Amino acid sequence: MKELPFSKVLALSPHTDDIEFGCGGTIHRLMQQGTEVFTAVFSLCEESVPKGYPKDILLKEMHEAGTKLNIYKDHITVFQYPVRRFTENRQEILENLVELNRKLEPDLVLTPCRTDIHQDHQVICQESVRAFRSQSILGYELPWNNFEFSARAFIQLSSQNLEAKLSAVNCYESQRFRQYSNTDLFQFQAQLRGLLNKTTFSEAFEVIRLTL
């Protein structure tokens, strides 16, 4: 596979597991080729932790998942906005994103797609478009949150990239009760997107802005 033309990437995760689910294979591929990858997580979802788990379990699981994708721990920024309350904190989130842009100057931003119906995901997508006005922005796919998805960019994954993604998904033991937290789903999704891309495995993205 040819190298992807990005030297510094910022992946935005409204909640702890979103980037692993949406673009974990792409992140692993970028790390393999030596691209600097930074991530920003905006909620630890402590209010949604299932009974029987400590409140900080998702933080622990997130760092475990990050090691599966080769993300450096000091490249992860964590904010603690209350889950499902991002709309009330929209301006503060925008200011966080503007500061990340000033500090990192990424050439690619990965964010939830514009048709994602989750209210927190919508805020991150909308504010990322405001904050990163000169960078390429790709919207990743979370099928359970989309009635429509404009798959216009495809990134090929190796079997190793996909295995790393599935390993990262499996780190979220506390979320396994959710129907979508299922490695079989992500295996099938990668195969389906690969079929559309004439590859074995791929991840699909919405093209929000492309700067070449």
Protein backbone atom coordinates (compact mmCIF):
# COMPACT_ATOMS: atom_id res chain seq x y z
CA MET A 1 0.00 0.00 0.00
CA LYS A 2 1.16 3.52 -0.75
CA GLU A 3 1.77 5.86 2.15
CA LEU A 4 -1.12 8.13 3.05
CA PRO A 5 -0.18 11.79 2.35
CA PHE A 6 -0.49 13.08 5.91
CA SER A 7 2.28 13.91 8.35
CA LYS A 8 0.24 14.90 11.42
CA VAL A 9 -3.29 13.72 12.19
CA LEU A 10 -5.73 14.63 14.94
CA ALA A 11 -8.56 12.18 15.66
CA LEU A 12 -11.51 13.58 17.61
CA SER A 13 -13.44 11.20 19.85
CA PRO A 14 -16.58 12.56 21.53
CA HIS A 15 -16.55 9.58 23.89
CA THR A 16 -13.79 7.17 24.82
CA ASP A 17 -14.46 4.47 22.22
CA ASP A 18 -15.59 6.41 19.15
CA ILE A 19 -12.32 6.65 17.24
CA GLU A 20 -11.47 3.00 17.82
CA PHE A 21 -14.86 2.04 16.40
CA GLY A 22 -14.89 4.61 13.59
CA CYS A 23 -11.31 4.83 12.36
CA GLY A 24 -9.13 2.52 14.44
CA GLY A 25 -7.75 0.70 11.43
CA THR A 26 -6.79 3.94 9.73
CA ILE A 27 -5.07 5.18 12.89
CA HIS A 28 -3.04 1.97 13.09
CA ARG A 29 -2.06 2.28 9.42
CA LEU A 30 -0.99 5.90 9.95
CA MET A 31 1.09 4.93 12.98
CA GLN A 32 2.74 2.13 11.00
CA GLN A 33 3.90 4.55 8.32
CA GLY A 34 5.33 6.99 10.87
CA THR A 35 2.63 9.66 10.84
CA GLU A 36 2.23 11.61 14.07
CA VAL A 37 -1.22 10.79 15.42
CA PHE A 38 -2.85 12.74 18.23
CA THR A 39 -6.24 12.07 19.76
CA ALA A 40 -8.66 14.18 21.77
CA VAL A 41 -11.41 12.60 23.87
CA PHE A 42 -14.15 14.88 25.15
CA SER A 43 -15.98 12.74 27.72
CA LEU A 44 -15.11 9.79 29.92
CA CYS A 45 -18.85 8.99 30.12
CA GLU A 46 -18.69 8.34 33.84
CA GLU A 47 -22.46 8.83 34.07
CA SER A 48 -22.98 5.88 31.71
CA VAL A 49 -20.62 3.33 33.26
CA PRO A 50 -22.52 0.06 33.90
CA LYS A 51 -23.08 -1.08 37.46
CA GLY A 52 -20.25 -3.15 38.85
CA TYR A 53 -17.46 -1.15 37.18
CA PRO A 54 -15.42 1.70 38.69
CA LYS A 55 -16.28 5.16 37.40
CA ASP A 56 -12.88 5.51 35.70
CA ILE A 57 -13.07 2.18 33.85
CA LEU A 58 -13.44 3.82 30.44
CA LEU A 59 -10.26 5.84 30.95
CA LYS A 60 -8.38 2.62 31.70
CA GLU A 61 -9.94 0.83 28.73
CA MET A 62 -9.19 3.78 26.45
CA HIS A 63 -5.48 3.66 27.28
CA GLU A 64 -5.42 -0.11 26.75
CA ALA A 65 -7.09 0.35 23.37
CA GLY A 66 -4.59 3.07 22.50
CA THR A 67 -1.70 0.67 23.00
CA LYS A 68 -3.30 -1.73 20.50
CA LEU A 69 -3.28 1.06 17.89
CA ASN A 70 0.26 2.19 18.87
CA ILE A 71 -0.99 5.61 20.03
CA TYR A 72 1.46 7.30 22.38
CA LYS A 73 -0.10 8.01 25.77
CA ASP A 74 1.25 11.58 25.78
CA HIS A 75 -0.47 12.19 22.43
CA ILE A 76 -3.90 11.74 24.03
CA THR A 77 -5.79 14.77 25.36
CA VAL A 78 -8.77 14.13 27.63
CA PHE A 79 -11.54 16.60 28.41
CA GLN A 80 -14.28 15.78 30.91
CA TYR A 81 -17.55 17.13 29.54
CA PRO A 82 -20.69 15.37 30.78
CA VAL A 83 -22.01 12.83 28.30
CA ARG A 84 -25.02 13.97 26.22
CA ARG A 85 -24.50 17.56 27.40
CA PHE A 86 -22.07 18.83 24.76
CA THR A 87 -24.62 21.28 23.33
CA GLU A 88 -24.55 23.21 26.61
CA ASN A 89 -20.75 23.40 26.38
CA ARG A 90 -20.45 24.15 22.68
CA GLN A 91 -18.38 27.33 23.01
CA GLU A 92 -15.91 25.78 25.44
CA ILE A 93 -15.51 22.80 23.12
CA LEU A 94 -14.86 25.10 20.17
CA GLU A 95 -12.19 26.89 22.20
CA ASN A 96 -10.59 23.53 23.04
CA LEU A 97 -10.49 22.66 19.34
CA VAL A 98 -9.06 26.03 18.37
CA GLU A 99 -6.31 25.56 20.95
CA LEU A 100 -5.56 22.06 19.65
CA ASN A 101 -5.28 23.49 16.14
CA ARG A 102 -2.91 26.21 17.33
CA LYS A 103 -0.78 23.73 19.26
CA LEU A 104 -0.67 20.81 16.83
CA GLU A 105 -1.34 22.25 13.35
CA PRO A 106 -2.57 18.89 11.96
CA ASP A 107 -2.95 18.41 8.23
CA LEU A 108 -5.83 15.93 8.66
CA VAL A 109 -8.64 15.87 11.20
CA LEU A 110 -10.81 12.77 11.74
CA THR A 111 -14.21 13.58 13.25
CA PRO A 112 -17.71 12.08 13.40
CA CYS A 113 -19.54 12.49 10.10
CA ARG A 114 -22.12 15.22 9.54
CA THR A 115 -25.06 12.79 9.47
CA ASP A 116 -24.29 11.21 12.85
CA ILE A 117 -27.47 11.61 14.92
CA HIS A 118 -25.86 11.47 18.38
CA GLN A 119 -26.07 14.96 19.88
CA ASP A 120 -22.51 14.92 21.26
CA HIS A 121 -21.10 13.67 17.96
CA GLN A 122 -22.93 16.45 16.11
CA VAL A 123 -21.32 19.10 18.30
CA ILE A 124 -17.81 17.73 17.77
CA CYS A 125 -18.31 17.54 14.01
CA GLN A 126 -19.82 21.01 13.71
CA GLU A 127 -17.23 22.68 15.91
CA SER A 128 -14.35 20.88 14.19
CA VAL A 129 -15.43 22.42 10.89
CA ARG A 130 -15.31 25.85 12.55
CA ALA A 131 -11.98 25.26 14.27
CA PHE A 132 -10.03 23.62 11.43
CA ARG A 133 -10.76 25.86 8.46
CA SER A 134 -7.70 25.11 6.36
CA GLN A 135 -7.18 21.39 7.02
CA SER A 136 -8.56 18.28 5.42
CA ILE A 137 -11.43 16.85 7.48
CA LEU A 138 -12.81 13.33 7.08
CA GLY A 139 -15.93 12.13 8.87
CA TYR A 140 -15.74 8.57 10.16
CA GLU A 141 -18.57 6.06 10.08
CA LEU A 142 -20.52 4.73 13.07
CA PRO A 143 -23.36 2.84 11.34
CA TRP A 144 -25.69 2.64 14.35
CA ASN A 145 -25.83 6.46 14.47
CA ASN A 146 -26.47 7.02 10.76
CA PHE A 147 -29.55 6.75 8.58
CA GLU A 148 -27.48 8.25 5.77
CA PHE A 149 -23.72 8.14 5.23
CA SER A 150 -21.84 9.62 2.30
CA ALA A 151 -19.00 7.15 1.75
CA ARG A 152 -16.76 9.12 -0.60
CA ALA A 153 -13.29 8.32 0.73
CA PHE A 154 -11.93 4.84 1.37
CA ILE A 155 -8.73 3.95 3.19
CA GLN A 156 -7.41 0.46 2.56
CA LEU A 157 -6.53 -1.63 5.61
CA SER A 158 -4.15 -4.53 5.85
CA SER A 159 -5.19 -7.58 7.86
CA GLN A 160 -2.80 -6.33 10.55
CA ASN A 161 -4.55 -2.94 10.65
CA LEU A 162 -7.92 -4.62 11.02
CA GLU A 163 -6.68 -7.00 13.71
CA ALA A 164 -5.33 -4.02 15.67
CA LYS A 165 -8.72 -2.32 15.41
CA LEU A 166 -10.55 -5.43 16.60
CA SER A 167 -8.11 -5.80 19.50
CA ALA A 168 -8.76 -2.17 20.46
CA VAL A 169 -12.53 -2.72 20.36
CA ASN A 170 -12.12 -5.76 22.62
CA CYS A 171 -10.41 -3.60 25.24
CA TYR A 172 -13.79 -2.04 26.06
CA GLU A 173 -15.02 -4.88 28.23
CA SER A 174 -17.45 -2.57 30.04
CA GLN A 175 -19.22 -1.83 26.74
CA ARG A 176 -19.73 -5.38 25.51
CA PHE A 177 -23.40 -5.31 26.49
CA ARG A 178 -23.99 -2.85 23.64
CA GLN A 179 -25.08 -4.52 20.41
CA TYR A 180 -22.63 -2.53 18.29
CA SER A 181 -19.59 -3.30 20.48
CA ASN A 182 -19.01 -6.46 18.52
CA THR A 183 -15.90 -7.38 16.58
CA ASP A 184 -17.94 -9.40 14.08
CA LEU A 185 -19.73 -6.18 13.11
CA PHE A 186 -16.46 -4.34 12.46
CA GLN A 187 -15.03 -7.29 10.55
CA PHE A 188 -18.09 -7.30 8.28
CA GLN A 189 -18.02 -3.51 7.92
CA ALA A 190 -14.36 -3.58 6.84
CA GLN A 191 -15.14 -6.30 4.31
CA LEU A 192 -18.15 -4.39 2.95
CA ARG A 193 -16.18 -1.16 2.58
CA GLY A 194 -13.35 -3.16 1.04
CA LEU A 195 -15.78 -4.55 -1.53
CA LEU A 196 -16.73 -1.01 -2.53
CA ASN A 197 -13.03 -0.08 -2.68
CA LYS A 198 -11.91 -3.25 -4.51
CA THR A 199 -9.72 -4.22 -1.56
CA THR A 200 -10.02 -6.90 1.09
CA PHE A 201 -10.58 -4.45 3.96
CA SER A 202 -11.22 -0.70 4.11
CA GLU A 203 -12.69 2.03 6.27
CA ALA A 204 -14.99 4.60 4.69
CA PHE A 205 -15.19 8.33 5.36
CA GLU A 206 -17.29 11.32 4.45
CA VAL A 207 -15.21 14.01 2.76
CA ILE A 208 -16.01 17.18 4.69
CA ARG A 209 -13.04 19.13 3.35
CA LEU A 210 -10.06 18.01 1.29
CA THR A 211 -6.98 20.19 1.06
CA LEU A 212 -4.21 18.97 -1.24
